[in-house]
PDB file of N, CA and C in Angstrom:
ATOM      1  N   MET A   1       0.698  -1.198  -0.018  1.00  0.00           N
ATOM      2  CA  MET A   1      -0.118  -0.023  -0.121  1.00  0.00           C
ATOM      3  C   MET A   1       0.767   1.279  -0.025  1.00  0.00           C
ATOM      4  N   GLY A   2       0.612   1.878  -1.191  1.00  0.00           N
ATOM      5  CA  GLY A   2       1.273   3.317  -1.092  1.00  0.00           C
ATOM      6  C   GLY A   2       0.780   4.382  -0.201  1.00  0.00           C
ATOM      7  N   LYS A   3       1.212   5.733  -0.426  1.00  0.00           N
ATOM      8  CA  LYS A   3       0.577   6.698   0.791  1.00  0.00           C
ATOM      9  C   LYS A   3       0.324   7.931   0.096  1.00  0.00           C
ATOM     10  N   LEU A   4      -0.679   8.476  -0.085  1.00  0.00           N
ATOM     11  CA  LEU A   4      -0.900   9.883  -0.682  1.00  0.00           C
ATOM     12  C   LEU A   4      -0.899  10.864   0.552  1.00  0.00           C
ATOM     13  N   THR A   5      -0.027  12.014   0.807  1.00  0.00           N
ATOM     14  CA  THR A   5       0.261  12.863   1.976  1.00  0.00           C
ATOM     15  C   THR A   5      -0.464  14.077   1.205  1.00  0.00           C
ATOM     16  N   TYR A   6      -1.488  14.744   1.861  1.00  0.00           N
ATOM     17  CA  TYR A   6      -2.220  15.949   1.528  1.00  0.00           C
ATOM     18  C   TYR A   6      -1.556  17.142   2.290  1.00  0.00           C
ATOM     19  N   ASP A   7      -1.092  17.898   2.145  1.00  0.00           N
ATOM     20  CA  ASP A   7      -0.595  19.366   2.858  1.00  0.00           C
ATOM     21  C   ASP A   7      -0.097  18.898   4.549  1.00  0.00           C
ATOM     22  N   SER A   8       0.579  17.762   4.240  1.00  0.00           N
ATOM     23  CA  SER A   8       1.312  17.377   5.489  1.00  0.00           C
ATOM     24  C   SER A   8       0.544  16.915   6.564  1.00  0.00           C
ATOM     25  N   THR A   9      -1.079  16.887   6.487  1.00  0.00           N
ATOM     26  CA  THR A   9      -1.739  16.753   7.370  1.00  0.00           C
ATOM     27  C   THR A   9      -2.871  15.459   7.077  1.00  0.00           C
ATOM     28  N   LEU A  10      -2.961  14.991   6.093  1.00  0.00           N
ATOM     29  CA  LEU A  10      -3.808  14.131   5.509  1.00  0.00           C
ATOM     30  C   LEU A  10      -3.117  13.044   4.931  1.00  0.00           C
ATOM     31  N   THR A  11      -3.379  11.797   5.442  1.00  0.00           N
ATOM     32  CA  THR A  11      -2.622  10.788   4.587  1.00  0.00           C
ATOM     33  C   THR A  11      -3.585   9.703   4.403  1.00  0.00           C
ATOM     34  N   ALA A  12      -3.670   9.103   3.055  1.00  0.00           N
ATOM     35  CA  ALA A  12      -4.514   8.257   2.632  1.00  0.00           C
ATOM     36  C   ALA A  12      -4.014   7.072   2.202  1.00  0.00           C
ATOM     37  N   ASP A  13      -4.279   5.931   2.246  1.00  0.00           N
ATOM     38  CA  ASP A  13      -3.622   4.758   1.580  1.00  0.00           C
ATOM     39  C   ASP A  13      -4.191   4.285   0.263  1.00  0.00           C
ATOM     40  N   PHE A  14      -3.526   3.903  -0.841  1.00  0.00           N
ATOM     41  CA  PHE A  14      -3.859   3.150  -1.762  1.00  0.00           C
ATOM     42  C   PHE A  14      -2.801   2.296  -2.315  1.00  0.00           C
ATOM     43  N   ASP A  15      -3.398   1.293  -3.224  1.00  0.00           N
ATOM     44  CA  ASP A  15      -2.828   0.340  -3.817  1.00  0.00           C
ATOM     45  C   ASP A  15      -1.563   0.998  -4.654  1.00  0.00           C
ATOM     46  N   ASP A  16      -0.379   0.544  -4.792  1.00  0.00           N
ATOM     47  CA  ASP A  16       0.832   1.374  -5.722  1.00  0.00           C
ATOM     48  C   ASP A  16       0.259   1.593  -6.828  1.00  0.00           C
ATOM     49  N   ARG A  17      -0.483   0.503  -7.377  1.00  0.00           N
ATOM     50  CA  ARG A  17      -0.703   0.900  -8.962  1.00  0.00           C
ATOM     51  C   ARG A  17      -1.727   1.731  -9.195  1.00  0.00           C
ATOM     52  N   ILE A  18      -2.682   1.946  -8.170  1.00  0.00           N
ATOM     53  CA  ILE A  18      -3.484   3.065  -8.334  1.00  0.00           C
ATOM     54  C   ILE A  18      -3.052   4.302  -8.278  1.00  0.00           C
ATOM     55  N   LEU A  19      -2.088   4.471  -7.038  1.00  0.00           N
ATOM     56  CA  LEU A  19      -1.379   5.390  -6.503  1.00  0.00           C
ATOM     57  C   LEU A  19      -0.440   6.021  -8.067  1.00  0.00           C
ATOM     58  N   ALA A  20       0.013   5.217  -8.697  1.00  0.00           N
ATOM     59  CA  ALA A  20       0.728   5.414  -9.835  1.00  0.00           C
ATOM     60  C   ALA A  20      -0.108   6.240 -10.946  1.00  0.00           C
ATOM     61  N   HIS A  21      -1.226   5.705 -11.246  1.00  0.00           N
ATOM     62  CA  HIS A  21      -2.135   6.563 -12.127  1.00  0.00           C
ATOM     63  C   HIS A  21      -2.770   7.568 -11.572  1.00  0.00           C
ATOM     64  N   ILE A  22      -3.108   7.847 -10.377  1.00  0.00           N
ATOM     65  CA  ILE A  22      -3.789   8.976  -9.967  1.00  0.00           C
ATOM     66  C   ILE A  22      -2.637  10.181  -9.714  1.00  0.00           C
ATOM     67  N   GLN A  23      -1.401   9.687  -9.619  1.00  0.00           N
ATOM     68  CA  GLN A  23      -0.164  10.570  -9.546  1.00  0.00           C
ATOM     69  C   GLN A  23      -0.051  11.114 -10.933  1.00  0.00           C
ATOM     70  N   VAL A  24      -0.140  10.449 -12.106  1.00  0.00           N
ATOM     71  CA  VAL A  24       0.026  10.853 -13.574  1.00  0.00           C
ATOM     72  C   VAL A  24      -1.041  11.904 -13.650  1.00  0.00           C
ATOM     73  N   VAL A  25      -2.294  11.697 -13.048  1.00  0.00           N
ATOM     74  CA  VAL A  25      -3.486  12.663 -13.341  1.00  0.00           C
ATOM     75  C   VAL A  25      -3.369  13.964 -12.507  1.00  0.00           C
ATOM     76  N   ILE A  26      -3.082  13.833 -11.483  1.00  0.00           N
ATOM     77  CA  ILE A  26      -2.769  14.969 -10.501  1.00  0.00           C
ATOM     78  C   ILE A  26      -1.549  15.709 -11.175  1.00  0.00           C
ATOM     79  N   GLY A  27      -0.852  15.179 -11.469  1.00  0.00           N
ATOM     80  CA  GLY A  27       0.585  15.977 -12.089  1.00  0.00           C
ATOM     81  C   GLY A  27       0.023  16.623 -13.182  1.00  0.00           C
ATOM     82  N   ALA A  28      -0.787  15.898 -14.159  1.00  0.00           N
ATOM     83  CA  ALA A  28      -1.086  16.710 -15.472  1.00  0.00           C
ATOM     84  C   ALA A  28      -1.957  17.814 -15.392  1.00  0.00           C
ATOM     85  N   LYS A  29      -2.910  17.737 -14.288  1.00  0.00           N
ATOM     86  CA  LYS A  29      -3.876  18.918 -13.923  1.00  0.00           C
ATOM     87  C   LYS A  29      -3.138  20.026 -13.100  1.00  0.00           C
ATOM     88  N   LEU A  30      -2.082  19.761 -12.235  1.00  0.00           N
ATOM     89  CA  LEU A  30      -1.611  20.867 -11.677  1.00  0.00           C
ATOM     90  C   LEU A  30      -0.571  21.737 -12.205  1.00  0.00           C
ATOM     91  N   ARG A  31       0.190  20.801 -13.318  1.00  0.00           N
ATOM     92  CA  ARG A  31       0.866  21.430 -14.377  1.00  0.00           C
ATOM     93  C   ARG A  31       0.310  22.459 -15.036  1.00  0.00           C
ATOM     94  N   ARG A  32      -0.900  22.081 -15.814  1.00  0.00           N
ATOM     95  CA  ARG A  32      -1.457  23.028 -16.088  1.00  0.00           C
ATOM     96  C   ARG A  32      -2.034  24.260 -15.306  1.00  0.00           C
ATOM     97  N   GLY A  33      -1.919  24.311 -14.129  1.00  0.00           N
ATOM     98  CA  GLY A  33      -2.330  25.366 -12.875  1.00  0.00           C
ATOM     99  C   GLY A  33      -4.086  24.988 -12.718  1.00  0.00           C
ATOM    100  N   GLU A  34      -4.465  23.770 -13.050  1.00  0.00           N
ATOM    101  CA  GLU A  34      -5.998  23.344 -12.558  1.00  0.00           C
ATOM    102  C   GLU A  34      -6.365  23.051 -11.167  1.00  0.00           C
ATOM    103  N   SER A  35      -6.947  23.591 -10.684  1.00  0.00           N
ATOM    104  CA  SER A  35      -7.745  22.877  -9.340  1.00  0.00           C
ATOM    105  C   SER A  35      -8.682  22.235  -9.387  1.00  0.00           C
ATOM    106  N   PHE A  36      -9.085  21.233  -8.389  1.00  0.00           N
ATOM    107  CA  PHE A  36     -10.107  20.088  -8.689  1.00  0.00           C
ATOM    108  C   PHE A  36     -10.185  19.410  -7.470  1.00  0.00           C
ATOM    109  N   TYR A  37     -11.363  18.712  -7.246  1.00  0.00           N
ATOM    110  CA  TYR A  37     -11.573  17.830  -6.142  1.00  0.00           C
ATOM    111  C   TYR A  37     -11.009  16.532  -6.580  1.00  0.00           C
ATOM    112  N   PHE A  38     -10.806  15.639  -5.296  1.00  0.00           N
ATOM    113  CA  PHE A  38     -10.425  14.343  -5.387  1.00  0.00           C
ATOM    114  C   PHE A  38     -11.241  13.605  -4.592  1.00  0.00           C
ATOM    115  N   THR A  39     -11.975  12.588  -4.993  1.00  0.00           N
ATOM    116  CA  THR A  39     -12.861  11.853  -4.076  1.00  0.00           C
ATOM    117  C   THR A  39     -12.474  10.280  -4.223  1.00  0.00           C
ATOM    118  N   TRP A  40     -12.573   9.647  -2.946  1.00  0.00           N
ATOM    119  CA  TRP A  40     -12.070   8.497  -2.922  1.00  0.00           C
ATOM    120  C   TRP A  40     -12.838   7.740  -1.596  1.00  0.00           C
ATOM    121  N   ARG A  41     -13.208   6.446  -1.889  1.00  0.00           N
ATOM    122  CA  ARG A  41     -13.868   5.553  -0.587  1.00  0.00           C
ATOM    123  C   ARG A  41     -12.738   5.237   0.415  1.00  0.00           C
ATOM    124  N   ASP A  42     -12.919   5.461   1.550  1.00  0.00           N
ATOM    125  CA  ASP A  42     -12.218   5.105   2.583  1.00  0.00           C
ATOM    126  C   ASP A  42     -12.307   3.532   3.182  1.00  0.00           C
ATOM    127  N   ASP A  43     -11.349   3.073   3.489  1.00  0.00           N
ATOM    128  CA  ASP A  43     -11.114   1.861   3.628  1.00  0.00           C
ATOM    129  C   ASP A  43     -11.919   1.444   4.926  1.00  0.00           C
ATOM    130  N   PRO A  44     -13.064   0.328   4.624  1.00  0.00           N
ATOM    131  CA  PRO A  44     -14.242   0.084   5.655  1.00  0.00           C
ATOM    132  C   PRO A  44     -13.647  -0.281   6.787  1.00  0.00           C
ATOM    133  N   GLN A  45     -12.233  -0.901   7.202  1.00  0.00           N
ATOM    134  CA  GLN A  45     -11.491  -1.279   8.276  1.00  0.00           C
ATOM    135  C   GLN A  45     -11.441   0.071   9.209  1.00  0.00           C
ATOM    136  N   GLY A  46     -11.510   1.233   8.568  1.00  0.00           N
ATOM    137  CA  GLY A  46     -11.157   2.510   8.985  1.00  0.00           C
ATOM    138  C   GLY A  46     -12.535   3.453   9.368  1.00  0.00           C
ATOM    139  N   GLY A  47     -13.588   2.802   9.092  1.00  0.00           N
ATOM    140  CA  GLY A  47     -14.747   3.186   9.309  1.00  0.00           C
ATOM    141  C   GLY A  47     -15.651   3.269   8.086  1.00  0.00           C
ATOM    142  N   GLY A  48     -14.946   3.365   6.666  1.00  0.00           N
ATOM    143  CA  GLY A  48     -15.701   3.598   5.922  1.00  0.00           C
ATOM    144  C   GLY A  48     -15.747   4.951   5.107  1.00  0.00           C
ATOM    145  N   GLY A  49     -16.993   5.237   4.454  1.00  0.00           N
ATOM    146  CA  GLY A  49     -16.976   6.490   4.075  1.00  0.00           C
ATOM    147  C   GLY A  49     -16.354   6.920   3.083  1.00  0.00           C
ATOM    148  N   ARG A  50     -16.094   8.617   2.789  1.00  0.00           N
ATOM    149  CA  ARG A  50     -15.429   8.861   1.568  1.00  0.00           C
ATOM    150  C   ARG A  50     -14.884  10.205   1.988  1.00  0.00           C
ATOM    151  N   SER A  51     -13.918  10.306   1.243  1.00  0.00           N
ATOM    152  CA  SER A  51     -12.905  11.638   1.456  1.00  0.00           C
ATOM    153  C   SER A  51     -12.775  12.589   0.449  1.00  0.00           C
ATOM    154  N   THR A  52     -12.958  13.573   0.543  1.00  0.00           N
ATOM    155  CA  THR A  52     -12.653  14.602  -0.801  1.00  0.00           C
ATOM    156  C   THR A  52     -11.454  15.702  -0.345  1.00  0.00           C
ATOM    157  N   ILE A  53     -10.656  16.005  -1.123  1.00  0.00           N
ATOM    158  CA  ILE A  53      -9.893  17.066  -0.876  1.00  0.00           C
ATOM    159  C   ILE A  53      -9.825  17.726  -2.164  1.00  0.00           C
ATOM    160  N   TRP A  54      -9.547  19.292  -1.916  1.00  0.00           N
ATOM    161  CA  TRP A  54      -9.466  20.281  -2.684  1.00  0.00           C
ATOM    162  C   TRP A  54      -8.065  20.431  -3.180  1.00  0.00           C
ATOM    163  N   LEU A  55      -7.674  20.007  -4.637  1.00  0.00           N
ATOM    164  CA  LEU A  55      -6.446  20.167  -4.753  1.00  0.00           C
ATOM    165  C   LEU A  55      -6.052  21.400  -5.946  1.00  0.00           C
ATOM    166  N   ASN A  56      -4.974  22.096  -5.506  1.00  0.00           N
ATOM    167  CA  ASN A  56      -4.480  23.300  -6.253  1.00  0.00           C
ATOM    168  C   ASN A  56      -3.186  23.270  -6.096  1.00  0.00           C
ATOM    169  N   PRO A  57      -2.167  24.020  -7.002  1.00  0.00           N
ATOM    170  CA  PRO A  57      -0.943  24.059  -7.392  1.00  0.00           C
ATOM    171  C   PRO A  57      -0.173  24.400  -5.870  1.00  0.00           C
ATOM    172  N   GLY A  58      -0.588  25.286  -5.264  1.00  0.00           N
ATOM    173  CA  GLY A  58      -0.169  25.659  -4.190  1.00  0.00           C
ATOM    174  C   GLY A  58      -0.294  24.866  -2.614  1.00  0.00           C
ATOM    175  N   ILE A  59      -0.838  23.830  -2.909  1.00  0.00           N
ATOM    176  CA  ILE A  59      -1.098  22.616  -1.668  1.00  0.00           C
ATOM    177  C   ILE A  59      -0.013  21.643  -1.998  1.00  0.00           C
ATOM    178  N   PRO A  60       1.114  21.394  -1.053  1.00  0.00           N
ATOM    179  CA  PRO A  60       1.863  20.218  -1.033  1.00  0.00           C
ATOM    180  C   PRO A  60       1.236  18.640  -0.990  1.00  0.00           C
ATOM    181  N   ILE A  61       1.764  17.994  -2.043  1.00  0.00           N
ATOM    182  CA  ILE A  61       1.231  16.395  -1.934  1.00  0.00           C
ATOM    183  C   ILE A  61       2.592  15.731  -2.075  1.00  0.00           C
ATOM    184  N   ALA A  62       2.591  14.415  -1.357  1.00  0.00           N
ATOM    185  CA  ALA A  62       3.663  13.554  -1.324  1.00  0.00           C
ATOM    186  C   ALA A  62       3.112  12.311  -1.726  1.00  0.00           C
ATOM    187  N   TYR A  63       4.034  11.341  -2.568  1.00  0.00           N
ATOM    188  CA  TYR A  63       3.520  10.323  -2.780  1.00  0.00           C
ATOM    189  C   TYR A  63       4.602   9.103  -2.163  1.00  0.00           C
ATOM    190  N   LYS A  64       4.162   8.023  -1.814  1.00  0.00           N
ATOM    191  CA  LYS A  64       5.180   7.107  -1.078  1.00  0.00           C
ATOM    192  C   LYS A  64       4.726   5.767  -1.367  1.00  0.00           C
ATOM    193  N   TYR A  65       5.607   5.071  -2.222  1.00  0.00           N
ATOM    194  CA  TYR A  65       5.230   3.851  -2.643  1.00  0.00           C
ATOM    195  C   TYR A  65       5.680   2.647  -1.490  1.00  0.00           C
ATOM    196  N   PHE A  66       4.948   1.607  -1.572  1.00  0.00           N
ATOM    197  CA  PHE A  66       5.393   0.647  -0.697  1.00  0.00           C
ATOM    198  C   PHE A  66       6.724  -0.198  -1.430  1.00  0.00           C
ATOM    199  N   GLY A  67       6.264  -0.666  -3.018  1.00  0.00           N
ATOM    200  CA  GLY A  67       7.072  -1.422  -3.685  1.00  0.00           C
ATOM    201  C   GLY A  67       8.307  -0.440  -4.132  1.00  0.00           C
ATOM    202  N   ALA A  68       9.553  -1.109  -4.755  1.00  0.00           N
ATOM    203  CA  ALA A  68      10.398  -0.336  -5.103  1.00  0.00           C
ATOM    204  C   ALA A  68      10.256  -0.301  -6.713  1.00  0.00           C
ATOM    205  N   ARG A  69       9.394  -1.338  -7.163  1.00  0.00           N
ATOM    206  CA  ARG A  69       9.211  -1.393  -8.833  1.00  0.00           C
ATOM    207  C   ARG A  69       8.125  -0.391  -9.211  1.00  0.00           C
ATOM    208  N   THR A  70       8.205   0.435 -10.161  1.00  0.00           N
ATOM    209  CA  THR A  70       7.263   1.289 -10.672  1.00  0.00           C
ATOM    210  C   THR A  70       6.035   0.638 -11.485  1.00  0.00           C
ATOM    211  N   PRO A  71       4.873   0.726 -11.098  1.00  0.00           N
ATOM    212  CA  PRO A  71       4.132  -0.188 -11.882  1.00  0.00           C
ATOM    213  C   PRO A  71       4.047   0.355 -13.236  1.00  0.00           C
ATOM    214  N   SER A  72       3.654  -0.315 -14.141  1.00  0.00           N
ATOM    215  CA  SER A  72       3.466  -0.547 -15.457  1.00  0.00           C
ATOM    216  C   SER A  72       2.245   0.795 -15.678  1.00  0.00           C
ATOM    217  N   LEU A  73       1.967   1.448 -16.591  1.00  0.00           N
ATOM    218  CA  LEU A  73       0.650   2.453 -16.653  1.00  0.00           C
ATOM    219  C   LEU A  73      -0.221   1.958 -17.708  1.00  0.00           C
ATOM    220  N   ASN A  74      -1.310   2.196 -17.621  1.00  0.00           N
ATOM    221  CA  ASN A  74      -2.148   1.633 -18.422  1.00  0.00           C
ATOM    222  C   ASN A  74      -2.934   3.020 -19.149  1.00  0.00           C
ATOM    223  N   ARG A  75      -2.542   3.573 -20.194  1.00  0.00           N
ATOM    224  CA  ARG A  75      -3.055   4.575 -20.773  1.00  0.00           C
ATOM    225  C   ARG A  75      -4.566   4.683 -20.842  1.00  0.00           C
ATOM    226  N   GLU A  76      -5.484   3.799 -21.126  1.00  0.00           N
ATOM    227  CA  GLU A  76      -6.521   3.865 -21.085  1.00  0.00           C
ATOM    228  C   GLU A  76      -7.158   4.228 -19.676  1.00  0.00           C
ATOM    229  N   TRP A  77      -6.627   3.583 -18.315  1.00  0.00           N
ATOM    230  CA  TRP A  77      -7.250   4.103 -17.458  1.00  0.00           C
ATOM    231  C   TRP A  77      -6.726   5.407 -16.804  1.00  0.00           C
ATOM    232  N   ILE A  78      -5.565   5.964 -17.340  1.00  0.00           N
ATOM    233  CA  ILE A  78      -4.913   7.439 -17.406  1.00  0.00           C
ATOM    234  C   ILE A  78      -6.124   8.055 -17.842  1.00  0.00           C
ATOM    235  N   GLU A  79      -6.538   7.873 -18.805  1.00  0.00           N
ATOM    236  CA  GLU A  79      -7.684   8.695 -19.662  1.00  0.00           C
ATOM    237  C   GLU A  79      -9.335   8.649 -18.995  1.00  0.00           C
ATOM    238  N   ALA A  80      -9.564   7.597 -18.589  1.00  0.00           N
ATOM    239  CA  ALA A  80     -10.571   7.551 -17.698  1.00  0.00           C
ATOM    240  C   ALA A  80     -10.716   8.162 -16.398  1.00  0.00           C
ATOM    241  N   LEU A  81      -9.476   8.030 -15.914  1.00  0.00           N
ATOM    242  CA  LEU A  81      -9.288   9.106 -14.503  1.00  0.00           C
ATOM    243  C   LEU A  81      -9.299  10.538 -14.910  1.00  0.00           C
ATOM    244  N   MET A  82      -8.634  10.997 -15.757  1.00  0.00           N
ATOM    245  CA  MET A  82      -8.619  12.203 -16.430  1.00  0.00           C
ATOM    246  C   MET A  82      -9.789  12.820 -16.750  1.00  0.00           C
ATOM    247  N   PHE A  83     -10.850  12.007 -17.228  1.00  0.00           N
ATOM    248  CA  PHE A  83     -12.192  12.061 -17.688  1.00  0.00           C
ATOM    249  C   PHE A  83     -13.089  12.607 -16.536  1.00  0.00           C
ATOM    250  N   THR A  84     -12.646  11.706 -15.318  1.00  0.00           N
ATOM    251  CA  THR A  84     -13.396  12.251 -14.097  1.00  0.00           C
ATOM    252  C   THR A  84     -12.893  13.376 -13.420  1.00  0.00           C
ATOM    253  N   ALA A  85     -11.619  13.489 -13.655  1.00  0.00           N
ATOM    254  CA  ALA A  85     -11.099  14.683 -13.075  1.00  0.00           C
ATOM    255  C   ALA A  85     -11.285  15.973 -13.797  1.00  0.00           C
ATOM    256  N   ASN A  86     -11.885  15.929 -14.866  1.00  0.00           N
ATOM    257  CA  ASN A  86     -12.310  17.046 -15.759  1.00  0.00           C
ATOM    258  C   ASN A  86     -13.488  17.421 -15.630  1.00  0.00           C
ATOM    259  N   SER A  87     -14.474  16.568 -14.852  1.00  0.00           N
ATOM    260  CA  SER A  87     -15.960  16.810 -14.432  1.00  0.00           C
ATOM    261  C   SER A  87     -16.160  17.791 -13.365  1.00  0.00           C
ATOM    262  N   SER A  88     -17.050  18.265 -13.171  1.00  0.00           N
ATOM    263  CA  SER A  88     -17.709  18.737 -12.269  1.00  0.00           C
ATOM    264  C   SER A  88     -17.153  18.313 -10.640  1.00  0.00           C
ATOM    265  N   GLY A  89     -17.628  16.774 -10.479  1.00  0.00           N
ATOM    266  CA  GLY A  89     -17.182  16.162  -9.417  1.00  0.00           C
ATOM    267  C   GLY A  89     -15.723  15.960  -9.247  1.00  0.00           C
ATOM    268  N   GLY A  90     -14.976  16.351 -10.043  1.00  0.00           N
ATOM    269  CA  GLY A  90     -13.812  15.698  -9.713  1.00  0.00           C
ATOM    270  C   GLY A  90     -13.138  14.652 -10.099  1.00  0.00           C
ATOM    271  N   LEU A  91     -11.687  14.527  -9.958  1.00  0.00           N
ATOM    272  CA  LEU A  91     -11.134  12.962  -9.636  1.00  0.00           C
ATOM    273  C   LEU A  91     -11.819  12.099  -8.765  1.00  0.00           C
ATOM    274  N   GLN A  92     -12.198  10.881  -9.599  1.00  0.00           N
ATOM    275  CA  GLN A  92     -12.728   9.571  -8.767  1.00  0.00           C
ATOM    276  C   GLN A  92     -12.092   8.488  -9.557  1.00  0.00           C
ATOM    277  N   ILE A  93     -11.697   7.276  -8.547  1.00  0.00           N
ATOM    278  CA  ILE A  93     -11.107   5.985  -9.019  1.00  0.00           C
ATOM    279  C   ILE A  93     -12.048   5.305  -9.541  1.00  0.00           C
ATOM    280  N   VAL A  94     -11.762   4.838 -10.860  1.00  0.00           N
ATOM    281  CA  VAL A  94     -12.656   4.104 -11.691  1.00  0.00           C
ATOM    282  C   VAL A  94     -12.237   3.046 -11.863  1.00  0.00           C
ATOM    283  N   PRO A  95     -12.657   1.671 -12.062  1.00  0.00           N
ATOM    284  CA  PRO A  95     -12.088   0.303 -12.393  1.00  0.00           C
ATOM    285  C   PRO A  95     -11.014   0.392 -13.701  1.00  0.00           C
ATOM    286  N   GLU A  96     -10.058  -0.096 -13.395  1.00  0.00           N
ATOM    287  CA  GLU A  96      -9.421  -0.125 -14.493  1.00  0.00           C
ATOM    288  C   GLU A  96      -9.725  -0.874 -15.915  1.00  0.00           C
ATOM    289  N   PRO A  97      -9.758  -0.333 -16.555  1.00  0.00           N
ATOM    290  CA  PRO A  97      -9.953  -1.249 -18.010  1.00  0.00           C
ATOM    291  C   PRO A  97      -8.908  -2.065 -18.329  1.00  0.00           C
ATOM    292  N   HIS A  98      -9.389  -3.198 -19.129  1.00  0.00           N
ATOM    293  CA  HIS A  98      -8.493  -4.182 -19.579  1.00  0.00           C
ATOM    294  C   HIS A  98      -7.376  -3.543 -20.520  1.00  0.00           C
ATOM    295  N   PRO A  99      -6.157  -3.643 -20.366  1.00  0.00           N
ATOM    296  CA  PRO A  99      -4.991  -3.026 -21.432  1.00  0.00           C
ATOM    297  C   PRO A  99      -5.105  -3.770 -22.866  1.00  0.00           C
ATOM    298  N   THR A 100      -5.008  -2.790 -23.729  1.00  0.00           N
ATOM    299  CA  THR A 100      -4.698  -3.409 -25.215  1.00  0.00           C
ATOM    300  C   THR A 100      -3.334  -3.500 -25.041  1.00  0.00           C
ATOM    301  N   PRO A 101      -2.762  -4.004 -26.019  1.00  0.00           N
ATOM    302  CA  PRO A 101      -1.136  -4.033 -26.170  1.00  0.00           C
ATOM    303  C   PRO A 101      -0.383  -2.890 -26.251  1.00  0.00           C
ATOM    304  N   THR A 102      -1.275  -1.784 -26.866  1.00  0.00           N
ATOM    305  CA  THR A 102      -0.547  -0.406 -27.061  1.00  0.00           C
ATOM    306  C   THR A 102      -0.822   0.632 -25.810  1.00  0.00           C
ATOM    307  N   THR A 103      -1.437  -0.120 -24.871  1.00  0.00           N
ATOM    308  CA  THR A 103      -2.077   1.088 -23.908  1.00  0.00           C
ATOM    309  C   THR A 103      -1.085   0.926 -22.646  1.00  0.00           C
ATOM    310  N   LEU A 104      -0.022  -0.204 -22.525  1.00  0.00           N
ATOM    311  CA  LEU A 104       0.784  -0.301 -21.380  1.00  0.00           C
ATOM    312  C   LEU A 104       2.077   0.462 -21.706  1.00  0.00           C
ATOM    313  N   THR A 105       2.592   1.061 -20.777  1.00  0.00           N
ATOM    314  CA  THR A 105       3.818   2.258 -20.877  1.00  0.00           C
ATOM    315  C   THR A 105       4.881   1.726 -19.553  1.00  0.00           C
ATOM    316  N   LYS A 106       5.945   1.901 -19.808  1.00  0.00           N
ATOM    317  CA  LYS A 106       6.647   1.683 -18.561  1.00  0.00           C
ATOM    318  C   LYS A 106       7.306   3.235 -18.062  1.00  0.00           C
ATOM    319  N   GLY A 107       8.133   3.226 -17.032  1.00  0.00           N
ATOM    320  CA  GLY A 107       8.741   4.230 -16.714  1.00  0.00           C
ATOM    321  C   GLY A 107       7.920   4.940 -15.587  1.00  0.00           C
ATOM    322  N   THR A 108       8.661   6.321 -14.985  1.00  0.00           N
ATOM    323  CA  THR A 108       8.199   6.518 -13.610  1.00  0.00           C
ATOM    324  C   THR A 108       7.035   7.324 -14.025  1.00  0.00           C
ATOM    325  N   PRO A 109       5.777   7.308 -13.239  1.00  0.00           N
ATOM    326  CA  PRO A 109       4.612   7.982 -13.150  1.00  0.00           C
ATOM    327  C   PRO A 109       4.909   9.366 -13.377  1.00  0.00           C
TER     328      PRO A 109
END
């Protein structure tokens, strides 16, 4: 499980693969100076529910991965996540589509 730390105060756990994909989407939006919401479901063991944060270029975000290997990226999933990030509801984690051979990429997120 990787960790996303928001403004040094909120920490949320995500699978490394999910975290790598949302890092790409968040980075792309913030590079363009775009602010947006990010909503996710909380772990049921921690009480469940959901959390929402407001992301903008002035708020520090840190990503900490459990594994040493960089997960391969699925471009179709990045596009699906970006679609939600560009909506009025903001970024939400959607299921990963089955990758086609041309949608997997290597490299750091």
